[in-house]
Protein backbone atom coordinates (compact mmCIF):
# COMPACT_ATOMS: atom_id res chain seq x y z
CA UNK A 1 22.11 8.16 0.97
CA UNK A 2 20.51 10.70 3.35
CA UNK A 3 22.36 13.55 5.12
CA UNK A 4 22.29 14.65 8.27
CA UNK A 5 21.06 18.35 7.00
CA UNK A 6 18.34 17.55 4.79
CA UNK A 7 15.21 18.40 6.83
CA UNK A 8 13.03 17.54 3.38
CA UNK A 9 14.06 13.76 3.51
CA UNK A 10 13.22 13.84 7.31
CA UNK A 11 10.25 15.90 7.20
CA UNK A 12 9.09 13.03 4.35
CA UNK A 13 10.16 10.17 6.26
CA UNK A 14 7.95 12.07 9.56
CA UNK A 15 5.06 12.71 7.17
CA UNK A 16 4.93 9.27 5.87
CA UNK A 17 5.75 6.84 8.70
CA UNK A 18 4.89 8.18 12.12
CA UNK A 19 1.89 10.69 11.27
CA UNK A 20 0.21 8.07 8.52
CA UNK A 21 -2.87 6.40 8.79
CA UNK A 22 -2.68 2.88 9.70
CA UNK A 23 -6.32 2.08 7.86
CA UNK A 24 -4.01 1.32 4.91
CA UNK A 25 -0.60 0.05 6.08
CA UNK A 26 1.42 -1.76 9.17
CA UNK A 27 5.24 -2.23 9.77
CA UNK A 28 7.06 -5.31 9.49
CA UNK A 29 10.22 -4.26 11.54
CA UNK A 30 11.70 -1.22 8.88
CA UNK A 31 9.22 -2.50 5.88
CA UNK A 32 5.67 -1.47 5.32
CA UNK A 33 3.15 -3.53 4.17
CA UNK A 34 0.23 -2.38 2.47
CA UNK A 35 -3.38 -3.92 3.84
CA UNK A 36 -5.48 -4.99 1.41
CA UNK A 37 -7.84 -1.35 1.26
CA UNK A 38 -4.88 0.33 -0.02
CA UNK A 39 -4.50 -2.09 -2.86
CA UNK A 40 -8.31 -1.51 -3.49
CA UNK A 41 -7.94 2.30 -3.40
CA UNK A 42 -5.02 2.20 -5.47
CA UNK A 43 -7.06 0.31 -8.78
CA UNK A 44 -5.33 -2.30 -9.70
CA UNK A 45 -2.24 -5.03 -8.88
CA UNK A 46 0.87 -3.75 -9.06
CA UNK A 47 2.21 -6.80 -9.77
CA UNK A 48 5.01 -7.44 -7.14
CA UNK A 49 3.44 -10.37 -5.28
CA UNK A 50 2.18 -8.49 -2.07
CA UNK A 51 0.81 -10.63 0.73
CA UNK A 52 -2.70 -8.94 0.71
CA UNK A 53 -3.58 -8.56 -3.12
CA UNK A 54 -7.09 -8.84 -3.61
CA UNK A 55 -7.39 -9.35 -7.48
CA UNK A 56 -7.85 -12.39 -9.22
CA UNK A 57 -5.37 -13.69 -10.48
CA UNK A 58 -2.80 -12.35 -7.65
CA UNK A 59 0.23 -10.35 -8.86
CA UNK A 60 -0.44 -9.63 -12.42
CA UNK A 61 0.39 -5.77 -12.94
CA UNK A 62 -2.40 -4.00 -14.44
CA UNK A 63 -5.58 -6.61 -13.29
CA UNK A 64 -8.30 -4.68 -12.06
CA UNK A 65 -10.88 -7.99 -11.11
CA UNK A 66 -10.90 -8.11 -7.85
CA UNK A 67 -10.73 -12.16 -5.65
CA UNK A 68 -15.08 -12.98 -5.22
CA UNK A 69 -16.40 -11.84 -1.96
CA UNK A 70 -13.93 -8.68 -2.25
CA UNK A 71 -16.07 -5.55 -1.79
CA UNK A 72 -14.83 -2.57 -3.74
CA UNK A 73 -15.84 0.73 -0.68
CA UNK A 74 -15.41 3.02 -3.53
CA UNK A 75 -18.27 1.77 -5.52
CA UNK A 76 -21.12 1.57 -2.78
């Protein structure tokens, strides 16, 4: 529950949504959708069934194996 006088929550909202780097995610309505690049940067699968899961097999928590054809920019 957000209080109307909670400036910390308001600042957090602004920093994470308005001033965000859209290289890693986009919004569909009020939901934040993480892009493939975000998941690769994260380093492992979260196991949440993400739409852009780059791991193979997908949606297996802590999996680090990228799908065939996907390069890890951190290793280049």
